[in-house]
PDB file of N, CA and C in Angstrom:
ATOM      1  N   MET A   1     -24.495  12.565 -14.713  1.00  0.00           N
ATOM      2  CA  MET A   1     -23.984  11.572 -13.799  1.00  0.00           C
ATOM      3  C   MET A   1     -23.884  10.243 -14.562  1.00  0.00           C
ATOM      4  N   THR A   2     -22.731   9.591 -14.444  1.00  0.00           N
ATOM      5  CA  THR A   2     -22.532   8.302 -15.101  1.00  0.00           C
ATOM      6  C   THR A   2     -22.127   7.253 -14.080  1.00  0.00           C
ATOM      7  N   GLU A   3     -22.418   6.007 -14.413  1.00  0.00           N
ATOM      8  CA  GLU A   3     -22.008   4.920 -13.531  1.00  0.00           C
ATOM      9  C   GLU A   3     -20.522   4.654 -13.727  1.00  0.00           C
ATOM     10  N   GLU A   4     -19.830   4.451 -12.645  1.00  0.00           N
ATOM     11  CA  GLU A   4     -18.399   4.180 -12.671  1.00  0.00           C
ATOM     12  C   GLU A   4     -18.173   2.705 -13.000  1.00  0.00           C
ATOM     13  N   LEU A   5     -17.439   2.440 -14.081  1.00  0.00           N
ATOM     14  CA  LEU A   5     -17.098   1.067 -14.441  1.00  0.00           C
ATOM     15  C   LEU A   5     -15.892   0.617 -13.628  1.00  0.00           C
ATOM     16  N   VAL A   6     -15.799  -0.692 -13.409  1.00  0.00           N
ATOM     17  CA  VAL A   6     -14.628  -1.214 -12.703  1.00  0.00           C
ATOM     18  C   VAL A   6     -13.401  -1.055 -13.593  1.00  0.00           C
ATOM     19  N   THR A   7     -12.242  -1.058 -12.983  1.00  0.00           N
ATOM     20  CA  THR A   7     -10.996  -0.971 -13.735  1.00  0.00           C
ATOM     21  C   THR A   7     -10.721  -2.299 -14.430  1.00  0.00           C
ATOM     22  N   LEU A   8      -9.798  -2.288 -15.372  1.00  0.00           N
ATOM     23  CA  LEU A   8      -9.409  -3.507 -16.077  1.00  0.00           C
ATOM     24  C   LEU A   8      -8.843  -4.537 -15.100  1.00  0.00           C
ATOM     25  N   GLU A   9      -8.101  -4.074 -14.112  1.00  0.00           N
ATOM     26  CA  GLU A   9      -7.557  -4.969 -13.080  1.00  0.00           C
ATOM     27  C   GLU A   9      -8.684  -5.720 -12.365  1.00  0.00           C
ATOM     28  N   ILE A  10      -9.725  -5.007 -11.974  1.00  0.00           N
ATOM     29  CA  ILE A  10     -10.858  -5.627 -11.290  1.00  0.00           C
ATOM     30  C   ILE A  10     -11.611  -6.544 -12.252  1.00  0.00           C
ATOM     31  N   ALA A  11     -11.754  -6.144 -13.514  1.00  0.00           N
ATOM     32  CA  ALA A  11     -12.434  -6.985 -14.504  1.00  0.00           C
ATOM     33  C   ALA A  11     -11.728  -8.334 -14.649  1.00  0.00           C
ATOM     34  N   LYS A  12     -10.405  -8.330 -14.630  1.00  0.00           N
ATOM     35  CA  LYS A  12      -9.642  -9.588 -14.711  1.00  0.00           C
ATOM     36  C   LYS A  12      -9.901 -10.453 -13.481  1.00  0.00           C
ATOM     37  N   LEU A  13      -9.890  -9.833 -12.301  1.00  0.00           N
ATOM     38  CA  LEU A  13     -10.175 -10.584 -11.071  1.00  0.00           C
ATOM     39  C   LEU A  13     -11.591 -11.156 -11.091  1.00  0.00           C
ATOM     40  N   LEU A  14     -12.538 -10.379 -11.597  1.00  0.00           N
ATOM     41  CA  LEU A  14     -13.918 -10.847 -11.683  1.00  0.00           C
ATOM     42  C   LEU A  14     -14.023 -12.085 -12.567  1.00  0.00           C
ATOM     43  N   LYS A  15     -13.324 -12.066 -13.695  1.00  0.00           N
ATOM     44  CA  LYS A  15     -13.337 -13.227 -14.591  1.00  0.00           C
ATOM     45  C   LYS A  15     -12.802 -14.457 -13.866  1.00  0.00           C
ATOM     46  N   GLU A  16     -11.704 -14.281 -13.133  1.00  0.00           N
ATOM     47  CA  GLU A  16     -11.113 -15.398 -12.389  1.00  0.00           C
ATOM     48  C   GLU A  16     -12.065 -15.938 -11.324  1.00  0.00           C
ATOM     49  N   LYS A  17     -12.918 -15.074 -10.780  1.00  0.00           N
ATOM     50  CA  LYS A  17     -13.836 -15.466  -9.705  1.00  0.00           C
ATOM     51  C   LYS A  17     -15.202 -15.921 -10.222  1.00  0.00           C
ATOM     52  N   GLY A  18     -15.371 -15.963 -11.552  1.00  0.00           N
ATOM     53  CA  GLY A  18     -16.594 -16.515 -12.118  1.00  0.00           C
ATOM     54  C   GLY A  18     -17.651 -15.520 -12.558  1.00  0.00           C
ATOM     55  N   PHE A  19     -17.346 -14.229 -12.535  1.00  0.00           N
ATOM     56  CA  PHE A  19     -18.325 -13.232 -12.987  1.00  0.00           C
ATOM     57  C   PHE A  19     -18.340 -13.210 -14.512  1.00  0.00           C
ATOM     58  N   LEU A  20     -19.519 -13.417 -15.095  1.00  0.00           N
ATOM     59  CA  LEU A  20     -19.662 -13.285 -16.541  1.00  0.00           C
ATOM     60  C   LEU A  20     -21.091 -12.872 -16.844  1.00  0.00           C
ATOM     61  N   GLN A  21     -21.236 -11.644 -17.225  1.00  0.00           N
ATOM     62  CA  GLN A  21     -22.527 -11.149 -17.677  1.00  0.00           C
ATOM     63  C   GLN A  21     -22.289 -10.559 -19.054  1.00  0.00           C
ATOM     64  N   ARG A  22     -22.838 -11.221 -20.053  1.00  0.00           N
ATOM     65  CA  ARG A  22     -22.561 -10.881 -21.449  1.00  0.00           C
ATOM     66  C   ARG A  22     -22.853  -9.419 -21.804  1.00  0.00           C
ATOM     67  N   LYS A  23     -23.837  -8.821 -21.165  1.00  0.00           N
ATOM     68  CA  LYS A  23     -24.179  -7.455 -21.567  1.00  0.00           C
ATOM     69  C   LYS A  23     -23.083  -6.448 -21.224  1.00  0.00           C
ATOM     70  N   TYR A  24     -22.105  -6.852 -20.411  1.00  0.00           N
ATOM     71  CA  TYR A  24     -20.998  -5.959 -20.071  1.00  0.00           C
ATOM     72  C   TYR A  24     -19.699  -6.342 -20.779  1.00  0.00           C
ATOM     73  N   LEU A  25     -19.766  -7.292 -21.746  1.00  0.00           N
ATOM     74  CA  LEU A  25     -18.556  -7.719 -22.447  1.00  0.00           C
ATOM     75  C   LEU A  25     -17.959  -6.562 -23.233  1.00  0.00           C
ATOM     76  N   THR A  26     -16.660  -6.424 -23.130  1.00  0.00           N
ATOM     77  CA  THR A  26     -15.917  -5.377 -23.816  1.00  0.00           C
ATOM     78  C   THR A  26     -14.726  -6.008 -24.514  1.00  0.00           C
ATOM     79  N   ASN A  27     -14.474  -5.602 -25.742  1.00  0.00           N
ATOM     80  CA  ASN A  27     -13.324  -6.103 -26.483  1.00  0.00           C
ATOM     81  C   ASN A  27     -12.067  -5.435 -25.936  1.00  0.00           C
ATOM     82  N   VAL A  28     -11.188  -6.231 -25.349  1.00  0.00           N
ATOM     83  CA  VAL A  28      -9.938  -5.705 -24.788  1.00  0.00           C
ATOM     84  C   VAL A  28      -8.735  -6.265 -25.534  1.00  0.00           C
ATOM     85  N   SER A  29      -8.969  -6.838 -26.721  1.00  0.00           N
ATOM     86  CA  SER A  29      -7.887  -7.479 -27.471  1.00  0.00           C
ATOM     87  C   SER A  29      -6.837  -6.485 -27.956  1.00  0.00           C
ATOM     88  N   THR A  30      -7.192  -5.212 -28.062  1.00  0.00           N
ATOM     89  CA  THR A  30      -6.212  -4.222 -28.513  1.00  0.00           C
ATOM     90  C   THR A  30      -5.288  -3.766 -27.388  1.00  0.00           C
ATOM     91  N   LEU A  31      -5.642  -4.103 -26.165  1.00  0.00           N
ATOM     92  CA  LEU A  31      -4.799  -3.768 -25.017  1.00  0.00           C
ATOM     93  C   LEU A  31      -3.785  -4.881 -24.815  1.00  0.00           C
ATOM     94  N   HIS A  32      -2.721  -4.593 -24.125  1.00  0.00           N
ATOM     95  CA  HIS A  32      -1.741  -5.632 -23.807  1.00  0.00           C
ATOM     96  C   HIS A  32      -2.354  -6.493 -22.716  1.00  0.00           C
ATOM     97  N   ASN A  33      -3.047  -7.521 -23.158  1.00  0.00           N
ATOM     98  CA  ASN A  33      -3.908  -8.284 -22.267  1.00  0.00           C
ATOM     99  C   ASN A  33      -3.948  -9.722 -22.746  1.00  0.00           C
ATOM    100  N   CYS A  34      -4.149 -10.647 -21.846  1.00  0.00           N
ATOM    101  CA  CYS A  34      -4.235 -12.054 -22.242  1.00  0.00           C
ATOM    102  C   CYS A  34      -5.664 -12.457 -22.604  1.00  0.00           C
ATOM    103  N   TYR A  35      -6.616 -11.554 -22.494  1.00  0.00           N
ATOM    104  CA  TYR A  35      -8.007 -11.856 -22.820  1.00  0.00           C
ATOM    105  C   TYR A  35      -8.435 -11.080 -24.061  1.00  0.00           C
ATOM    106  N   LYS A  36      -9.363 -11.675 -24.823  1.00  0.00           N
ATOM    107  CA  LYS A  36      -9.933 -10.953 -25.957  1.00  0.00           C
ATOM    108  C   LYS A  36     -11.132 -10.124 -25.502  1.00  0.00           C
ATOM    109  N   TYR A  37     -11.975 -10.720 -24.648  1.00  0.00           N
ATOM    110  CA  TYR A  37     -13.151 -10.034 -24.120  1.00  0.00           C
ATOM    111  C   TYR A  37     -13.193 -10.182 -22.607  1.00  0.00           C
ATOM    112  N   LEU A  38     -13.651  -9.142 -21.949  1.00  0.00           N
ATOM    113  CA  LEU A  38     -13.859  -9.167 -20.503  1.00  0.00           C
ATOM    114  C   LEU A  38     -15.185  -8.487 -20.186  1.00  0.00           C
ATOM    115  N   SER A  39     -15.842  -8.942 -19.140  1.00  0.00           N
ATOM    116  CA  SER A  39     -16.995  -8.216 -18.616  1.00  0.00           C
ATOM    117  C   SER A  39     -16.463  -7.039 -17.809  1.00  0.00           C
ATOM    118  N   VAL A  40     -16.852  -5.840 -18.198  1.00  0.00           N
ATOM    119  CA  VAL A  40     -16.432  -4.623 -17.490  1.00  0.00           C
ATOM    120  C   VAL A  40     -17.710  -3.914 -17.016  1.00  0.00           C
ATOM    121  N   PRO A  41     -18.255  -4.376 -15.897  1.00  0.00           N
ATOM    122  CA  PRO A  41     -19.532  -3.843 -15.414  1.00  0.00           C
ATOM    123  C   PRO A  41     -19.366  -2.590 -14.556  1.00  0.00           C
ATOM    124  N   PRO A  42     -20.472  -1.919 -14.278  1.00  0.00           N
ATOM    125  CA  PRO A  42     -20.448  -0.824 -13.303  1.00  0.00           C
ATOM    126  C   PRO A  42     -20.136  -1.371 -11.906  1.00  0.00           C
ATOM    127  N   GLN A  43     -19.547  -0.532 -11.078  1.00  0.00           N
ATOM    128  CA  GLN A  43     -19.224  -0.933  -9.706  1.00  0.00           C
ATOM    129  C   GLN A  43     -20.463  -1.414  -8.958  1.00  0.00           C
ATOM    130  N   SER A  44     -21.592  -0.761  -9.174  1.00  0.00           N
ATOM    131  CA  SER A  44     -22.812  -1.125  -8.445  1.00  0.00           C
ATOM    132  C   SER A  44     -23.276  -2.537  -8.790  1.00  0.00           C
ATOM    133  N   VAL A  45     -23.064  -2.971 -10.022  1.00  0.00           N
ATOM    134  CA  VAL A  45     -23.438  -4.329 -10.429  1.00  0.00           C
ATOM    135  C   VAL A  45     -22.552  -5.342  -9.714  1.00  0.00           C
ATOM    136  N   VAL A  46     -21.262  -5.042  -9.626  1.00  0.00           N
ATOM    137  CA  VAL A  46     -20.336  -5.943  -8.931  1.00  0.00           C
ATOM    138  C   VAL A  46     -20.672  -6.001  -7.445  1.00  0.00           C
ATOM    139  N   GLN A  47     -20.982  -4.857  -6.867  1.00  0.00           N
ATOM    140  CA  GLN A  47     -21.345  -4.807  -5.450  1.00  0.00           C
ATOM    141  C   GLN A  47     -22.564  -5.699  -5.187  1.00  0.00           C
ATOM    142  N   LYS A  48     -23.559  -5.636  -6.061  1.00  0.00           N
ATOM    143  CA  LYS A  48     -24.752  -6.470  -5.911  1.00  0.00           C
ATOM    144  C   LYS A  48     -24.413  -7.946  -6.142  1.00  0.00           C
ATOM    145  N   TRP A  49     -23.579  -8.260  -7.135  1.00  0.00           N
ATOM    146  CA  TRP A  49     -23.167  -9.642  -7.418  1.00  0.00           C
ATOM    147  C   TRP A  49     -22.451 -10.243  -6.210  1.00  0.00           C
ATOM    148  N   LEU A  50     -21.558  -9.486  -5.603  1.00  0.00           N
ATOM    149  CA  LEU A  50     -20.850  -9.973  -4.414  1.00  0.00           C
ATOM    150  C   LEU A  50     -21.823 -10.246  -3.269  1.00  0.00           C
ATOM    151  N   ARG A  51     -22.779  -9.364  -3.106  1.00  0.00           N
ATOM    152  CA  ARG A  51     -23.759  -9.511  -2.022  1.00  0.00           C
ATOM    153  C   ARG A  51     -24.669 -10.720  -2.251  1.00  0.00           C
ATOM    154  N   GLU A  52     -25.151 -10.881  -3.485  1.00  0.00           N
ATOM    155  CA  GLU A  52     -26.150 -11.916  -3.762  1.00  0.00           C
ATOM    156  C   GLU A  52     -25.561 -13.290  -4.055  1.00  0.00           C
ATOM    157  N   THR A  53     -24.352 -13.364  -4.584  1.00  0.00           N
ATOM    158  CA  THR A  53     -23.792 -14.674  -4.947  1.00  0.00           C
ATOM    159  C   THR A  53     -22.657 -15.121  -4.036  1.00  0.00           C
ATOM    160  N   LYS A  54     -21.988 -14.182  -3.383  1.00  0.00           N
ATOM    161  CA  LYS A  54     -20.838 -14.530  -2.541  1.00  0.00           C
ATOM    162  C   LYS A  54     -21.062 -14.184  -1.072  1.00  0.00           C
ATOM    163  N   ASN A  55     -22.237 -13.621  -0.757  1.00  0.00           N
ATOM    164  CA  ASN A  55     -22.600 -13.269   0.621  1.00  0.00           C
ATOM    165  C   ASN A  55     -21.643 -12.239   1.237  1.00  0.00           C
ATOM    166  N   LEU A  56     -21.112 -11.345   0.409  1.00  0.00           N
ATOM    167  CA  LEU A  56     -20.208 -10.297   0.894  1.00  0.00           C
ATOM    168  C   LEU A  56     -20.813  -8.927   0.604  1.00  0.00           C
ATOM    169  N   HIS A  57     -21.005  -8.148   1.651  1.00  0.00           N
ATOM    170  CA  HIS A  57     -21.567  -6.803   1.521  1.00  0.00           C
ATOM    171  C   HIS A  57     -20.465  -5.781   1.784  1.00  0.00           C
ATOM    172  N   ILE A  58     -20.310  -4.834   0.864  1.00  0.00           N
ATOM    173  CA  ILE A  58     -19.306  -3.778   1.018  1.00  0.00           C
ATOM    174  C   ILE A  58     -20.016  -2.521   1.497  1.00  0.00           C
ATOM    175  N   GLU A  59     -19.633  -2.054   2.672  1.00  0.00           N
ATOM    176  CA  GLU A  59     -20.181  -0.820   3.236  1.00  0.00           C
ATOM    177  C   GLU A  59     -19.172   0.298   3.015  1.00  0.00           C
ATOM    178  N   ILE A  60     -19.630   1.404   2.470  1.00  0.00           N
ATOM    179  CA  ILE A  60     -18.777   2.579   2.300  1.00  0.00           C
ATOM    180  C   ILE A  60     -19.184   3.585   3.366  1.00  0.00           C
ATOM    181  N   TYR A  61     -18.201   4.123   4.067  1.00  0.00           N
ATOM    182  CA  TYR A  61     -18.503   5.115   5.102  1.00  0.00           C
ATOM    183  C   TYR A  61     -17.719   6.397   4.826  1.00  0.00           C
ATOM    184  N   ARG A  62     -18.204   7.476   5.395  1.00  0.00           N
ATOM    185  CA  ARG A  62     -17.591   8.795   5.238  1.00  0.00           C
ATOM    186  C   ARG A  62     -17.077   9.249   6.586  1.00  0.00           C
ATOM    187  N   SER A  63     -15.866   9.781   6.603  1.00  0.00           N
ATOM    188  CA  SER A  63     -15.328  10.377   7.825  1.00  0.00           C
ATOM    189  C   SER A  63     -14.747  11.743   7.476  1.00  0.00           C
ATOM    190  N   ALA A  64     -14.171  12.399   8.450  1.00  0.00           N
ATOM    191  CA  ALA A  64     -13.614  13.735   8.233  1.00  0.00           C
ATOM    192  C   ALA A  64     -12.460  13.729   7.237  1.00  0.00           C
ATOM    193  N   VAL A  65     -11.792  12.593   7.065  1.00  0.00           N
ATOM    194  CA  VAL A  65     -10.613  12.549   6.186  1.00  0.00           C
ATOM    195  C   VAL A  65     -10.863  11.825   4.871  1.00  0.00           C
ATOM    196  N   GLY A  66     -12.076  11.377   4.618  1.00  0.00           N
ATOM    197  CA  GLY A  66     -12.360  10.724   3.341  1.00  0.00           C
ATOM    198  C   GLY A  66     -13.350   9.588   3.467  1.00  0.00           C
ATOM    199  N   TYR A  67     -13.282   8.698   2.495  1.00  0.00           N
ATOM    200  CA  TYR A  67     -14.173   7.541   2.431  1.00  0.00           C
ATOM    201  C   TYR A  67     -13.395   6.269   2.718  1.00  0.00           C
ATOM    202  N   GLY A  68     -14.042   5.333   3.397  1.00  0.00           N
ATOM    203  CA  GLY A  68     -13.444   4.041   3.683  1.00  0.00           C
ATOM    204  C   GLY A  68     -14.458   2.945   3.441  1.00  0.00           C
ATOM    205  N   TYR A  69     -14.037   1.711   3.678  1.00  0.00           N
ATOM    206  CA  TYR A  69     -14.940   0.583   3.465  1.00  0.00           C
ATOM    207  C   TYR A  69     -14.798  -0.461   4.563  1.00  0.00           C
ATOM    208  N   ALA A  70     -15.841  -1.247   4.695  1.00  0.00           N
ATOM    209  CA  ALA A  70     -15.836  -2.444   5.537  1.00  0.00           C
ATOM    210  C   ALA A  70     -16.547  -3.530   4.744  1.00  0.00           C
ATOM    211  N   ILE A  71     -16.095  -4.762   4.902  1.00  0.00           N
ATOM    212  CA  ILE A  71     -16.719  -5.901   4.229  1.00  0.00           C
ATOM    213  C   ILE A  71     -17.296  -6.804   5.312  1.00  0.00           C
ATOM    214  N   VAL A  72     -18.582  -7.094   5.187  1.00  0.00           N
ATOM    215  CA  VAL A  72     -19.266  -7.945   6.161  1.00  0.00           C
ATOM    216  C   VAL A  72     -20.035  -9.040   5.420  1.00  0.00           C
ATOM    217  N   LYS A  73     -20.391 -10.091   6.148  1.00  0.00           N
ATOM    218  CA  LYS A  73     -21.256 -11.125   5.578  1.00  0.00           C
ATOM    219  C   LYS A  73     -22.630 -10.504   5.341  1.00  0.00           C
ATOM    220  N   ALA A  74     -23.181 -10.719   4.165  1.00  0.00           N
ATOM    221  CA  ALA A  74     -24.456 -10.103   3.812  1.00  0.00           C
ATOM    222  C   ALA A  74     -25.614 -10.643   4.639  1.00  0.00           C
ATOM    223  N   ASP A  75     -25.543 -11.895   5.043  1.00  0.00           N
ATOM    224  CA  ASP A  75     -26.689 -12.486   5.733  1.00  0.00           C
ATOM    225  C   ASP A  75     -26.746 -12.177   7.225  1.00  0.00           C
ATOM    226  N   ASN A  76     -25.593 -11.830   7.841  1.00  0.00           N
ATOM    227  CA  ASN A  76     -25.650 -11.593   9.289  1.00  0.00           C
ATOM    228  C   ASN A  76     -24.765 -10.448   9.792  1.00  0.00           C
ATOM    229  N   GLY A  77     -24.042  -9.783   8.904  1.00  0.00           N
ATOM    230  CA  GLY A  77     -23.243  -8.633   9.301  1.00  0.00           C
ATOM    231  C   GLY A  77     -21.915  -8.956   9.954  1.00  0.00           C
ATOM    232  N   THR A  78     -21.503 -10.219   9.944  1.00  0.00           N
ATOM    233  CA  THR A  78     -20.227 -10.598  10.546  1.00  0.00           C
ATOM    234  C   THR A  78     -19.075  -9.937   9.799  1.00  0.00           C
ATOM    235  N   TRP A  79     -18.206  -9.258  10.545  1.00  0.00           N
ATOM    236  CA  TRP A  79     -17.074  -8.548   9.958  1.00  0.00           C
ATOM    237  C   TRP A  79     -16.147  -9.522   9.245  1.00  0.00           C
ATOM    238  N   GLN A  80     -15.659  -9.121   8.061  1.00  0.00           N
ATOM    239  CA  GLN A  80     -14.706  -9.913   7.295  1.00  0.00           C
ATOM    240  C   GLN A  80     -13.386  -9.168   7.079  1.00  0.00           C
ATOM    241  N   GLU A  81     -13.476  -7.885   6.730  1.00  0.00           N
ATOM    242  CA  GLU A  81     -12.284  -7.103   6.379  1.00  0.00           C
ATOM    243  C   GLU A  81     -12.667  -5.631   6.399  1.00  0.00           C
ATOM    244  N   ASP A  82     -11.672  -4.752   6.570  1.00  0.00           N
ATOM    245  CA  ASP A  82     -11.914  -3.319   6.399  1.00  0.00           C
ATOM    246  C   ASP A  82     -10.673  -2.676   5.799  1.00  0.00           C
ATOM    247  N   ASP A  83     -10.747  -1.358   5.597  1.00  0.00           N
ATOM    248  CA  ASP A  83      -9.666  -0.664   4.900  1.00  0.00           C
ATOM    249  C   ASP A  83      -8.396  -0.533   5.719  1.00  0.00           C
ATOM    250  N   ASP A  84      -8.482  -0.646   7.042  1.00  0.00           N
ATOM    251  CA  ASP A  84      -7.311  -0.582   7.924  1.00  0.00           C
ATOM    252  C   ASP A  84      -6.435   0.641   7.629  1.00  0.00           C
ATOM    253  N   SER A  85      -7.083   1.733   7.235  1.00  0.00           N
ATOM    254  CA  SER A  85      -6.394   3.000   6.917  1.00  0.00           C
ATOM    255  C   SER A  85      -5.279   2.822   5.885  1.00  0.00           C
ATOM    256  N   ARG A  86      -5.547   2.002   4.845  1.00  0.00           N
ATOM    257  CA  ARG A  86      -4.562   1.762   3.784  1.00  0.00           C
ATOM    258  C   ARG A  86      -4.776   2.648   2.568  1.00  0.00           C
ATOM    259  N   GLY A  87      -5.688   3.589   2.656  1.00  0.00           N
ATOM    260  CA  GLY A  87      -5.983   4.446   1.514  1.00  0.00           C
ATOM    261  C   GLY A  87      -4.845   5.399   1.191  1.00  0.00           C
ATOM    262  N   PRO A  88      -4.883   6.018   0.018  1.00  0.00           N
ATOM    263  CA  PRO A  88      -3.775   6.851  -0.454  1.00  0.00           C
ATOM    264  C   PRO A  88      -3.723   8.281   0.087  1.00  0.00           C
ATOM    265  N   ASN A  89      -4.812   8.779   0.686  1.00  0.00           N
ATOM    266  CA  ASN A  89      -4.735  10.174   1.139  1.00  0.00           C
ATOM    267  C   ASN A  89      -4.052  10.273   2.509  1.00  0.00           C
ATOM    268  N   ASP A  90      -3.814  11.473   2.962  1.00  0.00           N
ATOM    269  CA  ASP A  90      -3.068  11.699   4.209  1.00  0.00           C
ATOM    270  C   ASP A  90      -3.744  11.087   5.433  1.00  0.00           C
ATOM    271  N   GLY A  91      -5.056  10.908   5.376  1.00  0.00           N
ATOM    272  CA  GLY A  91      -5.785  10.304   6.488  1.00  0.00           C
ATOM    273  C   GLY A  91      -5.903   8.791   6.378  1.00  0.00           C
ATOM    274  N   GLY A  92      -5.302   8.205   5.333  1.00  0.00           N
ATOM    275  CA  GLY A  92      -5.352   6.759   5.152  1.00  0.00           C
ATOM    276  C   GLY A  92      -6.635   6.256   4.516  1.00  0.00           C
ATOM    277  N   LEU A  93      -7.410   7.166   3.922  1.00  0.00           N
ATOM    278  CA  LEU A  93      -8.656   6.777   3.264  1.00  0.00           C
ATOM    279  C   LEU A  93      -8.615   7.216   1.802  1.00  0.00           C
ATOM    280  N   TRP A  94      -9.764   7.219   1.142  1.00  0.00           N
ATOM    281  CA  TRP A  94      -9.861   7.600  -0.263  1.00  0.00           C
ATOM    282  C   TRP A  94     -10.639   8.904  -0.373  1.00  0.00           C
ATOM    283  N   ASP A  95     -10.334   9.685  -1.388  1.00  0.00           N
ATOM    284  CA  ASP A  95     -10.969  10.989  -1.551  1.00  0.00           C
ATOM    285  C   ASP A  95     -12.388  10.911  -2.106  1.00  0.00           C
ATOM    286  N   THR A  96     -12.722   9.826  -2.819  1.00  0.00           N
ATOM    287  CA  THR A  96     -14.062   9.710  -3.386  1.00  0.00           C
ATOM    288  C   THR A  96     -14.713   8.386  -2.986  1.00  0.00           C
ATOM    289  N   TYR A  97     -16.019   8.388  -3.029  1.00  0.00           N
ATOM    290  CA  TYR A  97     -16.815   7.183  -2.758  1.00  0.00           C
ATOM    291  C   TYR A  97     -16.408   6.061  -3.716  1.00  0.00           C
ATOM    292  N   GLU A  98     -16.282   6.414  -5.003  1.00  0.00           N
ATOM    293  CA  GLU A  98     -15.978   5.419  -6.031  1.00  0.00           C
ATOM    294  C   GLU A  98     -14.611   4.777  -5.831  1.00  0.00           C
ATOM    295  N   GLU A  99     -13.628   5.567  -5.406  1.00  0.00           N
ATOM    296  CA  GLU A  99     -12.293   5.009  -5.138  1.00  0.00           C
ATOM    297  C   GLU A  99     -12.341   4.027  -3.971  1.00  0.00           C
ATOM    298  N   ALA A 100     -13.088   4.367  -2.933  1.00  0.00           N
ATOM    299  CA  ALA A 100     -13.217   3.475  -1.775  1.00  0.00           C
ATOM    300  C   ALA A 100     -13.961   2.200  -2.163  1.00  0.00           C
ATOM    301  N   LEU A 101     -14.998   2.326  -2.983  1.00  0.00           N
ATOM    302  CA  LEU A 101     -15.748   1.151  -3.423  1.00  0.00           C
ATOM    303  C   LEU A 101     -14.868   0.240  -4.271  1.00  0.00           C
ATOM    304  N   GLU A 102     -14.075   0.802  -5.152  1.00  0.00           N
ATOM    305  CA  GLU A 102     -13.153   0.001  -5.981  1.00  0.00           C
ATOM    306  C   GLU A 102     -12.179  -0.777  -5.097  1.00  0.00           C
ATOM    307  N   ALA A 103     -11.637  -0.114  -4.086  1.00  0.00           N
ATOM    308  CA  ALA A 103     -10.721  -0.786  -3.157  1.00  0.00           C
ATOM    309  C   ALA A 103     -11.451  -1.878  -2.379  1.00  0.00           C
ATOM    310  N   GLY A 104     -12.674  -1.609  -1.966  1.00  0.00           N
ATOM    311  CA  GLY A 104     -13.468  -2.607  -1.257  1.00  0.00           C
ATOM    312  C   GLY A 104     -13.793  -3.812  -2.129  1.00  0.00           C
ATOM    313  N   ILE A 105     -14.101  -3.571  -3.390  1.00  0.00           N
ATOM    314  CA  ILE A 105     -14.363  -4.666  -4.330  1.00  0.00           C
ATOM    315  C   ILE A 105     -13.116  -5.529  -4.483  1.00  0.00           C
ATOM    316  N   ARG A 106     -11.971  -4.881  -4.644  1.00  0.00           N
ATOM    317  CA  ARG A 106     -10.702  -5.618  -4.784  1.00  0.00           C
ATOM    318  C   ARG A 106     -10.466  -6.529  -3.576  1.00  0.00           C
ATOM    319  N   GLU A 107     -10.669  -5.996  -2.382  1.00  0.00           N
ATOM    320  CA  GLU A 107     -10.452  -6.790  -1.163  1.00  0.00           C
ATOM    321  C   GLU A 107     -11.489  -7.905  -1.028  1.00  0.00           C
ATOM    322  N   ALA A 108     -12.736  -7.624  -1.395  1.00  0.00           N
ATOM    323  CA  ALA A 108     -13.777  -8.655  -1.322  1.00  0.00           C
ATOM    324  C   ALA A 108     -13.454  -9.811  -2.264  1.00  0.00           C
ATOM    325  N   LEU A 109     -12.936  -9.504  -3.449  1.00  0.00           N
ATOM    326  CA  LEU A 109     -12.578 -10.558  -4.401  1.00  0.00           C
ATOM    327  C   LEU A 109     -11.444 -11.426  -3.874  1.00  0.00           C
ATOM    328  N   LYS A 110     -10.562 -10.841  -3.079  1.00  0.00           N
ATOM    329  CA  LYS A 110      -9.479 -11.630  -2.473  1.00  0.00           C
ATOM    330  C   LYS A 110     -10.012 -12.627  -1.447  1.00  0.00           C
ATOM    331  N   LEU A 111     -11.172 -12.331  -0.863  1.00  0.00           N
ATOM    332  CA  LEU A 111     -11.762 -13.208   0.149  1.00  0.00           C
ATOM    333  C   LEU A 111     -12.453 -14.435  -0.453  1.00  0.00           C
ATOM    334  N   ILE A 112     -12.691 -14.403  -1.747  1.00  0.00           N
ATOM    335  CA  ILE A 112     -13.404 -15.510  -2.408  1.00  0.00           C
ATOM    336  C   ILE A 112     -12.421 -16.632  -2.731  1.00  0.00           C
TER     337      ILE A 112
END
């Protein structure tokens, strides 16, 4: 079992939103990219960073048709955003937990 790293797209958004943890720095200069180095952390680290520094908690839920997400305020549970059945599978959700979490992270970063 390995930890799922965020995608390069999410890593770029994280940089724009102020995430920088040196231990996750990755050289991306060989990619067609405007950055030389980016922090490319595991999804779980980003989920914790959003909760502890931005007060956004991403909840992943399971239903009969897949996985979805909801974003709430970490301190009081106030609803902020959810998947609104925008996922890629036939039920409007995601087939894996990690795919739903990645989508939830992307949406949470848009709220910052």
